[in-house]
Amino acid sequence: ANFTAPGWQTGETGAPTPIYTRTDLEAIASNLGGNYILMNDIDLSGSNWTPLGYTVDAPFTGKLNGNGHKITGMNIVVGSKDIYTGFFNVIKGGIVYNLHFSNCTVNGFGGGTSGTLVASILSGYISNCSVTNCKVIKGDCCGGMIGMGGLDNSVVTHCRVSNSSVQGSELNYYSKIKIGGLAGYTGLRSQMVACYTDGCTLSTNVLSKPDEAS
């Protein structure tokens, strides 16, 4: 089902840019403040996905209407110093809705933040999105859909994560690992309404343990 909220189209000029292919999705990186709409399901299997909105200095600030379509087969493997890992690494003031993911794997950094849809949403809106049969691996802050949310003002509504696994991990033995079926961590300014998870598996794994004598 599609979900819209009053006012989301306010201020837009012209029709959204249609997304048909992986190449079209990748092109979002050249205009992170654009307005986009998926026109069909997109299979990202075959080669690793490079996250959009790569850093807090270059986040996704635009709008993406999944139009009820699904992204499948996404696989992300990041380097040892990539803090954020997700389809979007960082969203700040952006809007994502009606977008669904299935059979995806997000393999992040042991001391970072990981989530299938977004690693960190600093502010913005996510509505009517879903994650099914996906894996999120590594990170001291991991969620099936969102790694970390609500450091500023963020709203997540009508979202769900089903039959997925989240494994938090940390390079530092003494750090606190934060994991969740939907989100690993949510701040005081985060709102989550009418969301749910089912059939999810959560686990933790410390990657290295210091010498007990040190």
Protein backbone atom coordinates (compact mmCIF):
# COMPACT_ATOMS: atom_id res chain seq x y z
CA ALA A 1 0.00 0.00 0.00
CA ASN A 2 1.08 3.56 -0.60
CA PHE A 3 1.25 6.14 2.16
CA THR A 4 1.35 9.92 1.84
CA ALA A 5 1.25 12.69 4.38
CA PRO A 6 -0.21 16.19 3.96
CA GLY A 7 2.36 18.79 3.07
CA TRP A 8 5.04 16.47 1.76
CA GLN A 9 4.65 17.79 -1.77
CA THR A 10 4.59 21.44 -0.70
CA GLY A 11 7.20 23.54 -2.45
CA GLU A 12 7.99 21.02 -5.18
CA THR A 13 8.21 22.22 -8.76
CA GLY A 14 7.85 19.82 -11.65
CA ALA A 15 7.43 16.07 -11.65
CA PRO A 16 9.80 13.81 -9.69
CA THR A 17 12.66 12.16 -11.56
CA PRO A 18 11.66 8.58 -12.48
CA ILE A 19 13.95 5.72 -11.40
CA TYR A 20 13.87 2.60 -13.58
CA THR A 21 17.31 0.97 -13.23
CA ARG A 22 20.30 0.55 -10.96
CA THR A 23 22.07 3.24 -12.99
CA ASP A 24 19.20 5.62 -12.25
CA LEU A 25 19.49 4.83 -8.53
CA GLU A 26 23.24 5.43 -8.56
CA ALA A 27 22.68 8.80 -10.24
CA ILE A 28 20.96 10.06 -7.08
CA ALA A 29 24.49 10.52 -5.70
CA SER A 30 24.98 13.45 -8.09
CA ASN A 31 21.93 15.28 -6.69
CA LEU A 32 21.23 14.28 -3.10
CA GLY A 33 18.59 16.99 -2.75
CA GLY A 34 16.47 15.85 -5.70
CA ASN A 35 12.94 14.47 -5.89
CA TYR A 36 12.69 10.85 -7.11
CA ILE A 37 10.14 8.10 -7.68
CA LEU A 38 10.72 4.38 -8.38
CA MET A 39 8.86 3.05 -11.40
CA ASN A 40 9.53 -0.67 -10.91
CA ASP A 41 11.30 -3.19 -8.68
CA ILE A 42 15.11 -3.05 -8.91
CA ASP A 43 17.50 -5.99 -8.42
CA LEU A 44 20.89 -4.85 -7.08
CA SER A 45 22.52 -8.29 -7.03
CA GLY A 46 25.65 -8.87 -9.08
CA SER A 47 27.91 -6.20 -7.58
CA ASN A 48 28.21 -4.41 -4.25
CA TRP A 49 26.10 -1.33 -3.67
CA THR A 50 27.79 2.00 -2.92
CA PRO A 51 25.70 3.82 -0.29
CA LEU A 52 24.06 7.16 -1.08
CA GLY A 53 24.52 10.21 1.17
CA TYR A 54 27.91 8.92 2.13
CA THR A 55 28.78 11.22 5.08
CA VAL A 56 27.24 13.72 7.49
CA ASP A 57 28.78 16.43 5.32
CA ALA A 58 27.01 15.08 2.21
CA PRO A 59 23.73 13.49 3.41
CA PHE A 60 20.59 12.67 1.45
CA THR A 61 18.33 15.70 1.80
CA GLY A 62 15.83 14.98 -0.99
CA LYS A 63 12.69 12.88 -1.44
CA LEU A 64 12.41 9.29 -2.60
CA ASN A 65 9.00 7.75 -3.21
CA GLY A 66 9.42 4.00 -3.61
CA ASN A 67 5.96 3.94 -5.17
CA GLY A 68 5.33 0.57 -3.50
CA HIS A 69 8.28 -1.04 -5.28
CA LYS A 70 11.02 -3.27 -3.91
CA ILE A 71 14.81 -3.24 -3.90
CA THR A 72 16.22 -6.79 -3.81
CA GLY A 73 19.63 -8.41 -3.65
CA MET A 74 21.47 -5.39 -2.29
CA ASN A 75 24.88 -6.30 -0.85
CA ILE A 76 27.11 -3.78 0.91
CA VAL A 77 30.65 -4.50 2.09
CA VAL A 78 32.46 -1.48 3.48
CA GLY A 79 36.06 -0.64 4.30
CA SER A 80 37.53 -0.75 7.78
CA LYS A 81 36.98 2.98 8.37
CA ASP A 82 33.52 3.50 6.85
CA ILE A 83 31.50 4.47 9.93
CA TYR A 84 28.08 4.40 8.25
CA THR A 85 26.64 1.53 6.21
CA GLY A 86 23.23 1.33 4.52
CA PHE A 87 21.36 1.98 1.29
CA PHE A 88 21.58 5.56 2.52
CA ASN A 89 24.47 6.21 4.84
CA VAL A 90 23.07 9.47 6.24
CA ILE A 91 19.70 11.21 5.82
CA LYS A 92 19.34 14.80 7.02
CA GLY A 93 15.99 16.42 6.40
CA GLY A 94 15.22 13.90 3.66
CA ILE A 95 11.99 11.98 3.06
CA VAL A 96 11.74 8.30 2.08
CA TYR A 97 8.41 6.51 1.76
CA ASN A 98 6.69 3.54 0.10
CA LEU A 99 10.05 1.77 -0.32
CA HIS A 100 10.69 -1.91 0.43
CA PHE A 101 13.78 -4.11 0.71
CA SER A 102 14.14 -7.89 0.55
CA ASN A 103 17.01 -10.40 0.52
CA CYS A 104 19.67 -7.79 1.22
CA THR A 105 22.91 -7.99 3.23
CA VAL A 106 24.57 -5.04 4.93
CA ASN A 107 28.06 -5.87 6.17
CA GLY A 108 29.35 -2.87 8.08
CA PHE A 109 32.32 -1.80 10.18
CA GLY A 110 32.73 -3.26 13.66
CA GLY A 111 32.75 0.13 15.36
CA GLY A 112 30.21 1.82 13.10
CA THR A 113 26.49 2.26 12.47
CA SER A 114 24.53 -0.03 10.12
CA GLY A 115 20.96 -0.37 8.82
CA THR A 116 19.34 -1.70 5.65
CA LEU A 117 17.55 1.51 4.63
CA VAL A 118 19.73 4.03 6.43
CA ALA A 119 22.65 3.91 8.83
CA SER A 120 21.85 7.25 10.47
CA ILE A 121 18.85 9.54 10.06
CA LEU A 122 19.75 12.84 11.68
CA SER A 123 16.39 14.40 10.79
CA GLY A 124 13.62 13.73 8.28
CA TYR A 125 10.79 11.27 7.60
CA ILE A 126 10.53 7.58 6.78
CA SER A 127 7.06 6.14 6.17
CA ASN A 128 5.52 2.90 4.92
CA CYS A 129 8.85 1.20 4.32
CA SER A 130 9.69 -2.43 4.99
CA VAL A 131 12.63 -4.81 5.28
CA THR A 132 12.13 -8.55 4.75
CA ASN A 133 14.62 -11.45 4.80
CA CYS A 134 17.63 -9.18 5.23
CA LYS A 135 20.85 -9.35 7.26
CA VAL A 136 22.66 -6.52 9.02
CA ILE A 137 26.11 -7.54 10.19
CA LYS A 138 28.65 -5.58 12.22
CA GLY A 139 28.42 -2.26 13.98
CA ASP A 140 28.11 -1.13 17.55
CA CYS A 141 24.76 0.43 16.56
CA CYS A 142 22.70 -1.83 14.23
CA GLY A 143 19.06 -2.02 13.23
CA GLY A 144 17.13 -4.04 10.68
CA MET A 145 15.97 -0.84 8.98
CA ILE A 146 17.72 2.06 10.76
CA GLY A 147 21.05 2.01 12.56
CA MET A 148 20.67 5.26 14.49
CA GLY A 149 17.80 7.73 14.47
CA GLY A 150 16.61 10.95 15.99
CA LEU A 151 19.75 12.91 16.80
CA ASP A 152 17.74 15.89 15.60
CA ASN A 153 14.04 15.66 14.65
CA SER A 154 13.04 12.47 12.83
CA VAL A 155 9.72 10.69 12.32
CA VAL A 156 9.31 7.02 11.38
CA THR A 157 5.76 5.79 10.71
CA HIS A 158 4.06 2.63 9.42
CA CYS A 159 7.35 0.74 8.98
CA ARG A 160 8.11 -2.93 9.57
CA VAL A 161 10.98 -5.41 9.65
CA SER A 162 10.22 -9.12 9.17
CA ASN A 163 12.23 -12.35 9.20
CA SER A 164 15.56 -10.55 9.34
CA SER A 165 18.71 -10.83 11.46
CA VAL A 166 20.81 -8.17 13.13
CA GLN A 167 24.24 -8.89 14.58
CA GLY A 168 25.87 -6.07 16.48
CA SER A 169 29.63 -6.20 16.92
CA GLU A 170 32.31 -3.97 18.35
CA LEU A 171 36.07 -3.83 18.13
CA ASN A 172 36.30 -2.51 21.69
CA TYR A 173 35.46 -5.14 24.31
CA TYR A 174 34.23 -2.50 26.78
CA SER A 175 31.87 -0.64 24.46
CA LYS A 176 28.10 -0.97 24.64
CA ILE A 177 26.51 -2.56 21.58
CA LYS A 178 23.08 -1.20 20.58
CA ILE A 179 20.87 -3.37 18.35
CA GLY A 180 17.20 -3.60 17.45
CA GLY A 181 14.86 -5.22 14.95
CA LEU A 182 13.76 -1.84 13.58
CA ALA A 183 16.43 0.55 14.91
CA GLY A 184 19.57 0.08 16.95
CA TYR A 185 19.29 3.42 18.72
CA THR A 186 16.75 6.24 18.81
CA GLY A 187 17.36 9.65 20.33
CA LEU A 188 15.06 11.80 22.44
CA ARG A 189 13.87 13.71 19.37
CA SER A 190 12.87 10.59 17.49
CA GLN A 191 9.23 9.61 16.94
CA MET A 192 8.26 6.09 15.89
CA VAL A 193 4.57 5.48 15.29
CA ALA A 194 2.68 2.33 14.24
CA CYS A 195 5.85 0.33 13.48
CA TYR A 196 6.52 -3.33 14.22
CA THR A 197 8.94 -6.22 13.83
CA ASP A 198 8.32 -9.94 13.64
CA GLY A 199 10.41 -13.06 13.18
CA CYS A 200 13.70 -11.21 13.74
CA THR A 201 16.89 -12.54 15.31
CA LEU A 202 19.19 -10.29 17.34
CA SER A 203 22.70 -11.21 18.44
CA THR A 204 26.01 -9.64 19.45
CA ASN A 205 29.61 -10.50 18.79
CA VAL A 206 32.73 -8.85 20.21
CA LEU A 207 35.39 -9.02 17.51
CA SER A 208 38.40 -8.77 19.80
CA LYS A 209 38.88 -9.13 23.53
CA PRO A 210 41.77 -7.36 25.30
CA ASP A 211 44.38 -9.20 27.29
CA GLU A 212 42.89 -9.86 30.72
CA ALA A 213 46.24 -9.01 32.33
CA SER A 214 46.49 -5.55 30.75
